[in-house]
Amino acid sequence: MSVSNKKAAFEARRQFEAGSINQDLLIELYRNYTDVGDTARFVSKAKDIFPDGNCGLASLYLQKRLGGEVTQGKYGEYDHTFLVADKTVIDITADQFGGPKVYVGPLQPPWSLIKNVCNTR
């Protein structure tokens, strides 16, 4: 586990909580990831309910900063999206399911993989 990955994960979590990430960047990242119709509206609503429903958006932002692969998986029984970089799970939204606010560590239960969905920076 990289200390810089852990530091970046905690910093990104603080940025999401404060709503201080450039909204245009988040819109661009999410628009390139999937079609949700009105991406600007989606990102605006996501900001209001963080961490709920923000796993993909947060993972894309982490990927922009750290590289790695945005991965569809599970947190326990819940469908979940998180970043895998250098064989390390980086997740800043698991608390929506009762997990930690920030996790940087090995792929282990309750995290599990379904598939990698976005491996470009």
PDB file of N, CA and C in Angstrom:
ATOM      1  N   MET A   1       0.850  -1.180   0.000  1.00  0.00           N
ATOM      2  CA  MET A   1       0.000   0.000   0.000  1.00  0.00           C
ATOM      3  C   MET A   1       0.894   1.240   0.000  1.00  0.00           C
ATOM      4  N   SER A   2       0.654   2.124  -0.905  1.00  0.00           N
ATOM      5  CA  SER A   2       1.424   3.347  -1.030  1.00  0.00           C
ATOM      6  C   SER A   2       0.914   4.413  -0.059  1.00  0.00           C
ATOM      7  N   VAL A   3       1.840   5.047   0.641  1.00  0.00           N
ATOM      8  CA  VAL A   3       1.470   6.134   1.545  1.00  0.00           C
ATOM      9  C   VAL A   3       0.825   7.264   0.754  1.00  0.00           C
ATOM     10  N   SER A   4       1.337   7.508  -0.469  1.00  0.00           N
ATOM     11  CA  SER A   4       0.759   8.586  -1.281  1.00  0.00           C
ATOM     12  C   SER A   4      -0.674   8.257  -1.690  1.00  0.00           C
ATOM     13  N   ASN A   5      -0.971   6.971  -1.950  1.00  0.00           N
ATOM     14  CA  ASN A   5      -2.351   6.586  -2.270  1.00  0.00           C
ATOM     15  C   ASN A   5      -3.260   6.834  -1.075  1.00  0.00           C
ATOM     16  N   LYS A   6      -2.794   6.487   0.106  1.00  0.00           N
ATOM     17  CA  LYS A   6      -3.603   6.687   1.311  1.00  0.00           C
ATOM     18  C   LYS A   6      -3.837   8.177   1.560  1.00  0.00           C
ATOM     19  N   LYS A   7      -2.792   8.959   1.415  1.00  0.00           N
ATOM     20  CA  LYS A   7      -2.913  10.407   1.608  1.00  0.00           C
ATOM     21  C   LYS A   7      -3.880  11.002   0.583  1.00  0.00           C
ATOM     22  N   ALA A   8      -3.754  10.574  -0.674  1.00  0.00           N
ATOM     23  CA  ALA A   8      -4.635  11.082  -1.730  1.00  0.00           C
ATOM     24  C   ALA A   8      -6.086  10.675  -1.471  1.00  0.00           C
ATOM     25  N   ALA A   9      -6.306   9.462  -0.955  1.00  0.00           N
ATOM     26  CA  ALA A   9      -7.668   8.998  -0.672  1.00  0.00           C
ATOM     27  C   ALA A   9      -8.305   9.848   0.425  1.00  0.00           C
ATOM     28  N   PHE A  10      -7.575  10.111   1.490  1.00  0.00           N
ATOM     29  CA  PHE A  10      -8.117  10.944   2.569  1.00  0.00           C
ATOM     30  C   PHE A  10      -8.367  12.370   2.090  1.00  0.00           C
ATOM     31  N   GLU A  11      -7.457  12.887   1.254  1.00  0.00           N
ATOM     32  CA  GLU A  11      -7.645  14.233   0.711  1.00  0.00           C
ATOM     33  C   GLU A  11      -8.876  14.294  -0.190  1.00  0.00           C
ATOM     34  N   ALA A  12      -9.051  13.289  -1.049  1.00  0.00           N
ATOM     35  CA  ALA A  12     -10.217  13.259  -1.931  1.00  0.00           C
ATOM     36  C   ALA A  12     -11.504  13.171  -1.119  1.00  0.00           C
ATOM     37  N   ARG A  13     -11.496  12.387  -0.052  1.00  0.00           N
ATOM     38  CA  ARG A  13     -12.673  12.272   0.805  1.00  0.00           C
ATOM     39  C   ARG A  13     -13.030  13.647   1.380  1.00  0.00           C
ATOM     40  N   ARG A  14     -12.044  14.354   1.884  1.00  0.00           N
ATOM     41  CA  ARG A  14     -12.289  15.701   2.430  1.00  0.00           C
ATOM     42  C   ARG A  14     -12.833  16.636   1.354  1.00  0.00           C
ATOM     43  N   GLN A  15     -12.298  16.541   0.141  1.00  0.00           N
ATOM     44  CA  GLN A  15     -12.757  17.389  -0.952  1.00  0.00           C
ATOM     45  C   GLN A  15     -14.219  17.090  -1.309  1.00  0.00           C
ATOM     46  N   PHE A  16     -14.570  15.815  -1.362  1.00  0.00           N
ATOM     47  CA  PHE A  16     -15.972  15.465  -1.654  1.00  0.00           C
ATOM     48  C   PHE A  16     -16.880  15.961  -0.535  1.00  0.00           C
ATOM     49  N   GLU A  17     -16.490  15.770   0.707  1.00  0.00           N
ATOM     50  CA  GLU A  17     -17.313  16.209   1.835  1.00  0.00           C
ATOM     51  C   GLU A  17     -17.515  17.720   1.822  1.00  0.00           C
ATOM     52  N   ALA A  18     -16.473  18.450   1.422  1.00  0.00           N
ATOM     53  CA  ALA A  18     -16.542  19.912   1.393  1.00  0.00           C
ATOM     54  C   ALA A  18     -17.188  20.444   0.110  1.00  0.00           C
ATOM     55  N   GLY A  19     -17.362  19.568  -0.869  1.00  0.00           N
ATOM     56  CA  GLY A  19     -17.910  20.014  -2.150  1.00  0.00           C
ATOM     57  C   GLY A  19     -16.949  20.909  -2.911  1.00  0.00           C
ATOM     58  N   SER A  20     -15.640  20.691  -2.704  1.00  0.00           N
ATOM     59  CA  SER A  20     -14.657  21.616  -3.276  1.00  0.00           C
ATOM     60  C   SER A  20     -14.028  21.139  -4.580  1.00  0.00           C
ATOM     61  N   ILE A  21     -14.470  20.015  -5.114  1.00  0.00           N
ATOM     62  CA  ILE A  21     -13.923  19.518  -6.378  1.00  0.00           C
ATOM     63  C   ILE A  21     -14.613  20.241  -7.524  1.00  0.00           C
ATOM     64  N   ASN A  22     -13.844  20.593  -8.525  1.00  0.00           N
ATOM     65  CA  ASN A  22     -14.374  21.290  -9.693  1.00  0.00           C
ATOM     66  C   ASN A  22     -15.500  20.475 -10.325  1.00  0.00           C
ATOM     67  N   GLN A  23     -16.692  21.026 -10.339  1.00  0.00           N
ATOM     68  CA  GLN A  23     -17.869  20.312 -10.849  1.00  0.00           C
ATOM     69  C   GLN A  23     -17.752  20.003 -12.344  1.00  0.00           C
ATOM     70  N   ASP A  24     -17.130  20.900 -13.100  1.00  0.00           N
ATOM     71  CA  ASP A  24     -16.951  20.644 -14.528  1.00  0.00           C
ATOM     72  C   ASP A  24     -16.070  19.418 -14.761  1.00  0.00           C
ATOM     73  N   LEU A  25     -15.039  19.247 -13.928  1.00  0.00           N
ATOM     74  CA  LEU A  25     -14.188  18.072 -14.036  1.00  0.00           C
ATOM     75  C   LEU A  25     -14.988  16.806 -13.739  1.00  0.00           C
ATOM     76  N   LEU A  26     -15.781  16.828 -12.673  1.00  0.00           N
ATOM     77  CA  LEU A  26     -16.590  15.655 -12.323  1.00  0.00           C
ATOM     78  C   LEU A  26     -17.602  15.325 -13.419  1.00  0.00           C
ATOM     79  N   ILE A  27     -18.196  16.359 -13.999  1.00  0.00           N
ATOM     80  CA  ILE A  27     -19.153  16.149 -15.100  1.00  0.00           C
ATOM     81  C   ILE A  27     -18.455  15.489 -16.287  1.00  0.00           C
ATOM     82  N   GLU A  28     -17.282  15.996 -16.644  1.00  0.00           N
ATOM     83  CA  GLU A  28     -16.529  15.429 -17.764  1.00  0.00           C
ATOM     84  C   GLU A  28     -16.150  13.972 -17.492  1.00  0.00           C
ATOM     85  N   LEU A  29     -15.644  13.694 -16.304  1.00  0.00           N
ATOM     86  CA  LEU A  29     -15.250  12.328 -15.957  1.00  0.00           C
ATOM     87  C   LEU A  29     -16.438  11.379 -16.038  1.00  0.00           C
ATOM     88  N   TYR A  30     -17.569  11.792 -15.487  1.00  0.00           N
ATOM     89  CA  TYR A  30     -18.728  10.897 -15.450  1.00  0.00           C
ATOM     90  C   TYR A  30     -19.370  10.757 -16.826  1.00  0.00           C
ATOM     91  N   ARG A  31     -19.387  11.828 -17.581  1.00  0.00           N
ATOM     92  CA  ARG A  31     -19.952  11.777 -18.942  1.00  0.00           C
ATOM     93  C   ARG A  31     -19.162  10.794 -19.805  1.00  0.00           C
ATOM     94  N   ASN A  32     -17.844  10.767 -19.629  1.00  0.00           N
ATOM     95  CA  ASN A  32     -17.002   9.843 -20.387  1.00  0.00           C
ATOM     96  C   ASN A  32     -17.145   8.404 -19.900  1.00  0.00           C
ATOM     97  N   TYR A  33     -17.640   8.218 -18.702  1.00  0.00           N
ATOM     98  CA  TYR A  33     -17.771   6.897 -18.068  1.00  0.00           C
ATOM     99  C   TYR A  33     -19.087   6.215 -18.437  1.00  0.00           C
ATOM    100  N   THR A  34     -20.183   6.949 -18.359  1.00  0.00           N
ATOM    101  CA  THR A  34     -21.494   6.352 -18.626  1.00  0.00           C
ATOM    102  C   THR A  34     -22.509   7.440 -18.964  1.00  0.00           C
ATOM    103  N   ASP A  35     -23.563   7.046 -19.611  1.00  0.00           N
ATOM    104  CA  ASP A  35     -24.625   7.981 -19.993  1.00  0.00           C
ATOM    105  C   ASP A  35     -25.743   7.929 -18.958  1.00  0.00           C
ATOM    106  N   VAL A  36     -25.910   9.022 -18.239  1.00  0.00           N
ATOM    107  CA  VAL A  36     -27.013   9.128 -17.278  1.00  0.00           C
ATOM    108  C   VAL A  36     -27.990  10.223 -17.706  1.00  0.00           C
ATOM    109  N   GLY A  37     -27.898  10.623 -18.961  1.00  0.00           N
ATOM    110  CA  GLY A  37     -28.764  11.702 -19.434  1.00  0.00           C
ATOM    111  C   GLY A  37     -28.162  13.047 -19.061  1.00  0.00           C
ATOM    112  N   ASP A  38     -28.745  13.712 -18.108  1.00  0.00           N
ATOM    113  CA  ASP A  38     -28.282  15.029 -17.671  1.00  0.00           C
ATOM    114  C   ASP A  38     -27.172  14.857 -16.625  1.00  0.00           C
ATOM    115  N   THR A  39     -25.941  14.741 -17.109  1.00  0.00           N
ATOM    116  CA  THR A  39     -24.801  14.473 -16.225  1.00  0.00           C
ATOM    117  C   THR A  39     -24.584  15.604 -15.230  1.00  0.00           C
ATOM    118  N   ALA A  40     -24.777  16.834 -15.657  1.00  0.00           N
ATOM    119  CA  ALA A  40     -24.592  17.970 -14.745  1.00  0.00           C
ATOM    120  C   ALA A  40     -25.566  17.868 -13.571  1.00  0.00           C
ATOM    121  N   ARG A  41     -26.779  17.513 -13.855  1.00  0.00           N
ATOM    122  CA  ARG A  41     -27.779  17.358 -12.784  1.00  0.00           C
ATOM    123  C   ARG A  41     -27.411  16.197 -11.862  1.00  0.00           C
ATOM    124  N   PHE A  42     -26.979  15.090 -12.461  1.00  0.00           N
ATOM    125  CA  PHE A  42     -26.551  13.925 -11.674  1.00  0.00           C
ATOM    126  C   PHE A  42     -25.436  14.302 -10.709  1.00  0.00           C
ATOM    127  N   VAL A  43     -24.413  14.993 -11.212  1.00  0.00           N
ATOM    128  CA  VAL A  43     -23.269  15.383 -10.379  1.00  0.00           C
ATOM    129  C   VAL A  43     -23.711  16.354  -9.286  1.00  0.00           C
ATOM    130  N   SER A  44     -24.585  17.276  -9.623  1.00  0.00           N
ATOM    131  CA  SER A  44     -25.087  18.224  -8.629  1.00  0.00           C
ATOM    132  C   SER A  44     -25.833  17.508  -7.508  1.00  0.00           C
ATOM    133  N   LYS A  45     -26.682  16.559  -7.852  1.00  0.00           N
ATOM    134  CA  LYS A  45     -27.418  15.793  -6.837  1.00  0.00           C
ATOM    135  C   LYS A  45     -26.484  14.911  -6.019  1.00  0.00           C
ATOM    136  N   ALA A  46     -25.501  14.322  -6.693  1.00  0.00           N
ATOM    137  CA  ALA A  46     -24.546  13.458  -5.997  1.00  0.00           C
ATOM    138  C   ALA A  46     -23.815  14.231  -4.902  1.00  0.00           C
ATOM    139  N   LYS A  47     -23.481  15.465  -5.206  1.00  0.00           N
ATOM    140  CA  LYS A  47     -22.794  16.313  -4.229  1.00  0.00           C
ATOM    141  C   LYS A  47     -23.615  16.447  -2.939  1.00  0.00           C
ATOM    142  N   ASP A  48     -24.927  16.515  -3.078  1.00  0.00           N
ATOM    143  CA  ASP A  48     -25.807  16.710  -1.926  1.00  0.00           C
ATOM    144  C   ASP A  48     -25.992  15.458  -1.076  1.00  0.00           C
ATOM    145  N   ILE A  49     -25.709  14.281  -1.633  1.00  0.00           N
ATOM    146  CA  ILE A  49     -25.977  13.047  -0.887  1.00  0.00           C
ATOM    147  C   ILE A  49     -24.719  12.231  -0.587  1.00  0.00           C
ATOM    148  N   PHE A  50     -23.550  12.805  -0.829  1.00  0.00           N
ATOM    149  CA  PHE A  50     -22.290  12.082  -0.591  1.00  0.00           C
ATOM    150  C   PHE A  50     -22.269  11.501   0.821  1.00  0.00           C
ATOM    151  N   PRO A  51     -21.848  10.250   0.991  1.00  0.00           N
ATOM    152  CA  PRO A  51     -21.240   9.313   0.046  1.00  0.00           C
ATOM    153  C   PRO A  51     -22.241   8.447  -0.715  1.00  0.00           C
ATOM    154  N   ASP A  52     -23.505   8.506  -0.339  1.00  0.00           N
ATOM    155  CA  ASP A  52     -24.510   7.648  -0.985  1.00  0.00           C
ATOM    156  C   ASP A  52     -24.537   7.896  -2.487  1.00  0.00           C
ATOM    157  N   GLY A  53     -24.501   6.815  -3.250  1.00  0.00           N
ATOM    158  CA  GLY A  53     -24.611   6.910  -4.699  1.00  0.00           C
ATOM    159  C   GLY A  53     -23.428   7.556  -5.400  1.00  0.00           C
ATOM    160  N   ASN A  54     -22.329   7.741  -4.691  1.00  0.00           N
ATOM    161  CA  ASN A  54     -21.173   8.433  -5.263  1.00  0.00           C
ATOM    162  C   ASN A  54     -19.994   7.517  -5.561  1.00  0.00           C
ATOM    163  N   CYS A  55     -20.166   6.213  -5.470  1.00  0.00           N
ATOM    164  CA  CYS A  55     -19.003   5.333  -5.588  1.00  0.00           C
ATOM    165  C   CYS A  55     -18.333   5.442  -6.964  1.00  0.00           C
ATOM    166  N   GLY A  56     -19.107   5.487  -8.039  1.00  0.00           N
ATOM    167  CA  GLY A  56     -18.519   5.609  -9.367  1.00  0.00           C
ATOM    168  C   GLY A  56     -17.838   6.949  -9.570  1.00  0.00           C
ATOM    169  N   LEU A  57     -18.513   7.999  -9.188  1.00  0.00           N
ATOM    170  CA  LEU A  57     -17.972   9.349  -9.342  1.00  0.00           C
ATOM    171  C   LEU A  57     -16.677   9.520  -8.545  1.00  0.00           C
ATOM    172  N   ALA A  58     -16.689   9.058  -7.309  1.00  0.00           N
ATOM    173  CA  ALA A  58     -15.490   9.157  -6.458  1.00  0.00           C
ATOM    174  C   ALA A  58     -14.356   8.315  -7.030  1.00  0.00           C
ATOM    175  N   SER A  59     -14.683   7.136  -7.547  1.00  0.00           N
ATOM    176  CA  SER A  59     -13.654   6.263  -8.120  1.00  0.00           C
ATOM    177  C   SER A  59     -13.036   6.877  -9.366  1.00  0.00           C
ATOM    178  N   LEU A  60     -13.844   7.522 -10.189  1.00  0.00           N
ATOM    179  CA  LEU A  60     -13.318   8.192 -11.373  1.00  0.00           C
ATOM    180  C   LEU A  60     -12.382   9.334 -11.002  1.00  0.00           C
ATOM    181  N   TYR A  61     -12.751  10.082  -9.967  1.00  0.00           N
ATOM    182  CA  TYR A  61     -11.895  11.183  -9.514  1.00  0.00           C
ATOM    183  C   TYR A  61     -10.579  10.630  -8.967  1.00  0.00           C
ATOM    184  N   LEU A  62     -10.664   9.565  -8.176  1.00  0.00           N
ATOM    185  CA  LEU A  62      -9.441   8.940  -7.668  1.00  0.00           C
ATOM    186  C   LEU A  62      -8.573   8.423  -8.813  1.00  0.00           C
ATOM    187  N   GLN A  63      -9.203   7.838  -9.827  1.00  0.00           N
ATOM    188  CA  GLN A  63      -8.457   7.333 -10.970  1.00  0.00           C
ATOM    189  C   GLN A  63      -7.732   8.472 -11.689  1.00  0.00           C
ATOM    190  N   LYS A  64      -8.394   9.602 -11.826  1.00  0.00           N
ATOM    191  CA  LYS A  64      -7.774  10.771 -12.472  1.00  0.00           C
ATOM    192  C   LYS A  64      -6.499  11.177 -11.727  1.00  0.00           C
ATOM    193  N   ARG A  65      -6.548  11.063 -10.404  1.00  0.00           N
ATOM    194  CA  ARG A  65      -5.408  11.460  -9.581  1.00  0.00           C
ATOM    195  C   ARG A  65      -4.332  10.381  -9.477  1.00  0.00           C
ATOM    196  N   LEU A  66      -4.750   9.106  -9.448  1.00  0.00           N
ATOM    197  CA  LEU A  66      -3.818   8.042  -9.085  1.00  0.00           C
ATOM    198  C   LEU A  66      -3.580   6.994 -10.172  1.00  0.00           C
ATOM    199  N   GLY A  67      -4.406   7.003 -11.228  1.00  0.00           N
ATOM    200  CA  GLY A  67      -4.351   5.908 -12.193  1.00  0.00           C
ATOM    201  C   GLY A  67      -5.151   4.730 -11.657  1.00  0.00           C
ATOM    202  N   GLY A  68      -4.875   3.555 -12.159  1.00  0.00           N
ATOM    203  CA  GLY A  68      -5.588   2.376 -11.697  1.00  0.00           C
ATOM    204  C   GLY A  68      -6.826   2.103 -12.522  1.00  0.00           C
ATOM    205  N   GLU A  69      -7.673   1.183 -12.015  1.00  0.00           N
ATOM    206  CA  GLU A  69      -8.860   0.747 -12.739  1.00  0.00           C
ATOM    207  C   GLU A  69     -10.106   0.943 -11.890  1.00  0.00           C
ATOM    208  N   VAL A  70     -11.087   1.623 -12.449  1.00  0.00           N
ATOM    209  CA  VAL A  70     -12.393   1.718 -11.809  1.00  0.00           C
ATOM    210  C   VAL A  70     -13.027   0.338 -11.959  1.00  0.00           C
ATOM    211  N   THR A  71     -13.476  -0.211 -10.856  1.00  0.00           N
ATOM    212  CA  THR A  71     -13.875  -1.609 -10.807  1.00  0.00           C
ATOM    213  C   THR A  71     -15.281  -1.769 -10.247  1.00  0.00           C
ATOM    214  N   GLN A  72     -16.100  -2.542 -10.954  1.00  0.00           N
ATOM    215  CA  GLN A  72     -17.412  -2.904 -10.419  1.00  0.00           C
ATOM    216  C   GLN A  72     -17.218  -4.120  -9.539  1.00  0.00           C
ATOM    217  N   GLY A  73     -17.765  -4.027  -8.342  1.00  0.00           N
ATOM    218  CA  GLY A  73     -17.626  -5.120  -7.413  1.00  0.00           C
ATOM    219  C   GLY A  73     -18.768  -5.103  -6.430  1.00  0.00           C
ATOM    220  N   LYS A  74     -18.457  -5.598  -5.279  1.00  0.00           N
ATOM    221  CA  LYS A  74     -19.441  -5.627  -4.209  1.00  0.00           C
ATOM    222  C   LYS A  74     -18.756  -5.218  -2.916  1.00  0.00           C
ATOM    223  N   TYR A  75     -19.553  -4.622  -2.053  1.00  0.00           N
ATOM    224  CA  TYR A  75     -19.166  -4.438  -0.664  1.00  0.00           C
ATOM    225  C   TYR A  75     -20.187  -5.258   0.105  1.00  0.00           C
ATOM    226  N   GLY A  76     -19.767  -6.428   0.555  1.00  0.00           N
ATOM    227  CA  GLY A  76     -20.722  -7.349   1.150  1.00  0.00           C
ATOM    228  C   GLY A  76     -21.750  -7.739   0.114  1.00  0.00           C
ATOM    229  N   GLU A  77     -23.012  -7.515   0.407  1.00  0.00           N
ATOM    230  CA  GLU A  77     -24.098  -7.877  -0.523  1.00  0.00           C
ATOM    231  C   GLU A  77     -24.455  -6.753  -1.482  1.00  0.00           C
ATOM    232  N   TYR A  78     -23.833  -5.589  -1.325  1.00  0.00           N
ATOM    233  CA  TYR A  78     -24.202  -4.405  -2.108  1.00  0.00           C
ATOM    234  C   TYR A  78     -23.332  -4.255  -3.357  1.00  0.00           C
ATOM    235  N   ASP A  79     -23.957  -3.932  -4.496  1.00  0.00           N
ATOM    236  CA  ASP A  79     -23.191  -3.563  -5.682  1.00  0.00           C
ATOM    237  C   ASP A  79     -22.430  -2.290  -5.359  1.00  0.00           C
ATOM    238  N   HIS A  80     -21.187  -2.223  -5.805  1.00  0.00           N
ATOM    239  CA  HIS A  80     -20.328  -1.110  -5.413  1.00  0.00           C
ATOM    240  C   HIS A  80     -19.252  -0.914  -6.470  1.00  0.00           C
ATOM    241  N   THR A  81     -18.784   0.298  -6.610  1.00  0.00           N
ATOM    242  CA  THR A  81     -17.695   0.637  -7.524  1.00  0.00           C
ATOM    243  C   THR A  81     -16.570   1.238  -6.712  1.00  0.00           C
ATOM    244  N   PHE A  82     -15.334   0.826  -7.013  1.00  0.00           N
ATOM    245  CA  PHE A  82     -14.171   1.332  -6.294  1.00  0.00           C
ATOM    246  C   PHE A  82     -12.963   1.281  -7.214  1.00  0.00           C
ATOM    247  N   LEU A  83     -11.873   1.883  -6.790  1.00  0.00           N
ATOM    248  CA  LEU A  83     -10.647   1.925  -7.581  1.00  0.00           C
ATOM    249  C   LEU A  83      -9.715   0.804  -7.127  1.00  0.00           C
ATOM    250  N   VAL A  84      -9.066   0.169  -8.085  1.00  0.00           N
ATOM    251  CA  VAL A  84      -7.984  -0.761  -7.790  1.00  0.00           C
ATOM    252  C   VAL A  84      -6.739  -0.225  -8.483  1.00  0.00           C
ATOM    253  N   ALA A  85      -5.721   0.094  -7.704  1.00  0.00           N
ATOM    254  CA  ALA A  85      -4.455   0.621  -8.221  1.00  0.00           C
ATOM    255  C   ALA A  85      -3.313  -0.147  -7.570  1.00  0.00           C
ATOM    256  N   ASP A  86      -2.435  -0.668  -8.373  1.00  0.00           N
ATOM    257  CA  ASP A  86      -1.297  -1.441  -7.850  1.00  0.00           C
ATOM    258  C   ASP A  86      -1.767  -2.546  -6.904  1.00  0.00           C
ATOM    259  N   LYS A  87      -2.807  -3.270  -7.316  1.00  0.00           N
ATOM    260  CA  LYS A  87      -3.380  -4.384  -6.546  1.00  0.00           C
ATOM    261  C   LYS A  87      -3.929  -3.953  -5.189  1.00  0.00           C
ATOM    262  N   THR A  88      -4.252  -2.666  -5.071  1.00  0.00           N
ATOM    263  CA  THR A  88      -4.763  -2.101  -3.822  1.00  0.00           C
ATOM    264  C   THR A  88      -6.140  -1.503  -4.063  1.00  0.00           C
ATOM    265  N   VAL A  89      -7.087  -1.827  -3.203  1.00  0.00           N
ATOM    266  CA  VAL A  89      -8.409  -1.214  -3.244  1.00  0.00           C
ATOM    267  C   VAL A  89      -8.310   0.176  -2.630  1.00  0.00           C
ATOM    268  N   ILE A  90      -8.851   1.164  -3.316  1.00  0.00           N
ATOM    269  CA  ILE A  90      -8.928   2.527  -2.794  1.00  0.00           C
ATOM    270  C   ILE A  90     -10.402   2.915  -2.870  1.00  0.00           C
ATOM    271  N   ASP A  91     -11.012   3.090  -1.703  1.00  0.00           N
ATOM    272  CA  ASP A  91     -12.459   3.276  -1.621  1.00  0.00           C
ATOM    273  C   ASP A  91     -12.764   4.370  -0.608  1.00  0.00           C
ATOM    274  N   ILE A  92     -13.449   5.423  -1.055  1.00  0.00           N
ATOM    275  CA  ILE A  92     -13.787   6.521  -0.137  1.00  0.00           C
ATOM    276  C   ILE A  92     -15.296   6.652   0.068  1.00  0.00           C
ATOM    277  N   THR A  93     -16.044   5.597  -0.304  1.00  0.00           N
ATOM    278  CA  THR A  93     -17.495   5.669  -0.128  1.00  0.00           C
ATOM    279  C   THR A  93     -18.108   4.411   0.495  1.00  0.00           C
ATOM    280  N   ALA A  94     -17.306   3.524   1.038  1.00  0.00           N
ATOM    281  CA  ALA A  94     -17.846   2.283   1.626  1.00  0.00           C
ATOM    282  C   ALA A  94     -18.720   2.561   2.846  1.00  0.00           C
ATOM    283  N   ASP A  95     -18.596   3.736   3.434  1.00  0.00           N
ATOM    284  CA  ASP A  95     -19.421   4.046   4.613  1.00  0.00           C
ATOM    285  C   ASP A  95     -20.905   4.140   4.276  1.00  0.00           C
ATOM    286  N   GLN A  96     -21.252   4.271   2.995  1.00  0.00           N
ATOM    287  CA  GLN A  96     -22.674   4.237   2.628  1.00  0.00           C
ATOM    288  C   GLN A  96     -23.270   2.864   2.919  1.00  0.00           C
ATOM    289  N   PHE A  97     -22.413   1.857   3.114  1.00  0.00           N
ATOM    290  CA  PHE A  97     -22.859   0.495   3.424  1.00  0.00           C
ATOM    291  C   PHE A  97     -22.416   0.054   4.823  1.00  0.00           C
ATOM    292  N   GLY A  98     -21.984   0.994   5.649  1.00  0.00           N
ATOM    293  CA  GLY A  98     -21.537   0.663   6.993  1.00  0.00           C
ATOM    294  C   GLY A  98     -20.058   0.371   7.106  1.00  0.00           C
ATOM    295  N   GLY A  99     -19.314   0.558   6.022  1.00  0.00           N
ATOM    296  CA  GLY A  99     -17.872   0.331   6.030  1.00  0.00           C
ATOM    297  C   GLY A  99     -17.119   1.582   6.442  1.00  0.00           C
ATOM    298  N   PRO A 100     -15.800   1.564   6.273  1.00  0.00           N
ATOM    299  CA  PRO A 100     -14.991   2.726   6.642  1.00  0.00           C
ATOM    300  C   PRO A 100     -15.184   3.881   5.667  1.00  0.00           C
ATOM    301  N   LYS A 101     -14.939   5.091   6.150  1.00  0.00           N
ATOM    302  CA  LYS A 101     -15.004   6.271   5.272  1.00  0.00           C
ATOM    303  C   LYS A 101     -13.934   6.204   4.192  1.00  0.00           C
ATOM    304  N   VAL A 102     -12.761   5.720   4.564  1.00  0.00           N
ATOM    305  CA  VAL A 102     -11.645   5.590   3.621  1.00  0.00           C
ATOM    306  C   VAL A 102     -10.991   4.230   3.859  1.00  0.00           C
ATOM    307  N   TYR A 103     -10.829   3.489   2.779  1.00  0.00           N
ATOM    308  CA  TYR A 103     -10.117   2.217   2.854  1.00  0.00           C
ATOM    309  C   TYR A 103      -9.076   2.185   1.756  1.00  0.00           C
ATOM    310  N   VAL A 104      -7.844   1.897   2.127  1.00  0.00           N
ATOM    311  CA  VAL A 104      -6.752   1.690   1.187  1.00  0.00           C
ATOM    312  C   VAL A 104      -6.042   0.428   1.664  1.00  0.00           C
ATOM    313  N   GLY A 105      -6.221  -0.648   0.926  1.00  0.00           N
ATOM    314  CA  GLY A 105      -5.637  -1.904   1.363  1.00  0.00           C
ATOM    315  C   GLY A 105      -5.915  -3.016   0.371  1.00  0.00           C
ATOM    316  N   PRO A 106      -5.618  -4.241   0.768  1.00  0.00           N
ATOM    317  CA  PRO A 106      -5.782  -5.373  -0.148  1.00  0.00           C
ATOM    318  C   PRO A 106      -7.247  -5.663  -0.437  1.00  0.00           C
ATOM    319  N   LEU A 107      -7.470  -6.324  -1.568  1.00  0.00           N
ATOM    320  CA  LEU A 107      -8.803  -6.807  -1.897  1.00  0.00           C
ATOM    321  C   LEU A 107      -9.100  -7.968  -0.954  1.00  0.00           C
ATOM    322  N   GLN A 108     -10.044  -7.750  -0.084  1.00  0.00           N
ATOM    323  CA  GLN A 108     -10.429  -8.758   0.897  1.00  0.00           C
ATOM    324  C   GLN A 108     -11.873  -8.517   1.286  1.00  0.00           C
ATOM    325  N   PRO A 109     -12.538  -9.548   1.802  1.00  0.00           N
ATOM    326  CA  PRO A 109     -13.922  -9.334   2.226  1.00  0.00           C
ATOM    327  C   PRO A 109     -14.009  -8.186   3.233  1.00  0.00           C
ATOM    328  N   PRO A 110     -15.014  -7.341   3.083  1.00  0.00           N
ATOM    329  CA  PRO A 110     -16.247  -7.511   2.312  1.00  0.00           C
ATOM    330  C   PRO A 110     -16.166  -7.022   0.867  1.00  0.00           C
ATOM    331  N   TRP A 111     -15.002  -6.562   0.381  1.00  0.00           N
ATOM    332  CA  TRP A 111     -14.874  -6.154  -1.024  1.00  0.00           C
ATOM    333  C   TRP A 111     -14.687  -7.390  -1.891  1.00  0.00           C
ATOM    334  N   SER A 112     -15.309  -7.384  -3.055  1.00  0.00           N
ATOM    335  CA  SER A 112     -15.081  -8.437  -4.039  1.00  0.00           C
ATOM    336  C   SER A 112     -15.254  -7.833  -5.427  1.00  0.00           C
ATOM    337  N   LEU A 113     -14.636  -8.483  -6.413  1.00  0.00           N
ATOM    338  CA  LEU A 113     -14.650  -7.980  -7.784  1.00  0.00           C
ATOM    339  C   LEU A 113     -15.761  -8.595  -8.607  1.00  0.00           C
ATOM    340  N   ILE A 114     -16.317  -7.808  -9.502  1.00  0.00           N
ATOM    341  CA  ILE A 114     -17.178  -8.315 -10.565  1.00  0.00           C
ATOM    342  C   ILE A 114     -16.419  -8.167 -11.879  1.00  0.00           C
ATOM    343  N   LYS A 115     -16.013  -6.917 -12.207  1.00  0.00           N
ATOM    344  CA  LYS A 115     -15.220  -6.690 -13.413  1.00  0.00           C
ATOM    345  C   LYS A 115     -14.616  -5.301 -13.379  1.00  0.00           C
ATOM    346  N   ASN A 116     -13.537  -5.134 -14.134  1.00  0.00           N
ATOM    347  CA  ASN A 116     -12.936  -3.818 -14.331  1.00  0.00           C
ATOM    348  C   ASN A 116     -13.717  -3.114 -15.429  1.00  0.00           C
ATOM    349  N   VAL A 117     -14.039  -1.843 -15.206  1.00  0.00           N
ATOM    350  CA  VAL A 117     -14.869  -1.150 -16.179  1.00  0.00           C
ATOM    351  C   VAL A 117     -14.205   0.046 -16.832  1.00  0.00           C
ATOM    352  N   CYS A 118     -13.152   0.540 -16.277  1.00  0.00           N
ATOM    353  CA  CYS A 118     -12.552   1.759 -16.844  1.00  0.00           C
ATOM    354  C   CYS A 118     -11.086   1.785 -16.442  1.00  0.00           C
ATOM    355  N   ASN A 119     -10.203   1.470 -17.370  1.00  0.00           N
ATOM    356  CA  ASN A 119      -8.795   1.407 -17.008  1.00  0.00           C
ATOM    357  C   ASN A 119      -7.941   2.449 -17.711  1.00  0.00           C
ATOM    358  N   THR A 120      -8.563   3.513 -18.159  1.00  0.00           N
ATOM    359  CA  THR A 120      -7.801   4.597 -18.763  1.00  0.00           C
ATOM    360  C   THR A 120      -7.843   5.802 -17.852  1.00  0.00           C
ATOM    361  N   ARG A 121      -6.853   6.595 -17.941  1.00  0.00           N
ATOM    362  CA  ARG A 121      -6.747   7.749 -17.065  1.00  0.00           C
ATOM    363  C   ARG A 121      -7.446   8.915 -17.613  1.00  0.00           C
TER     364      ARG A 121
END
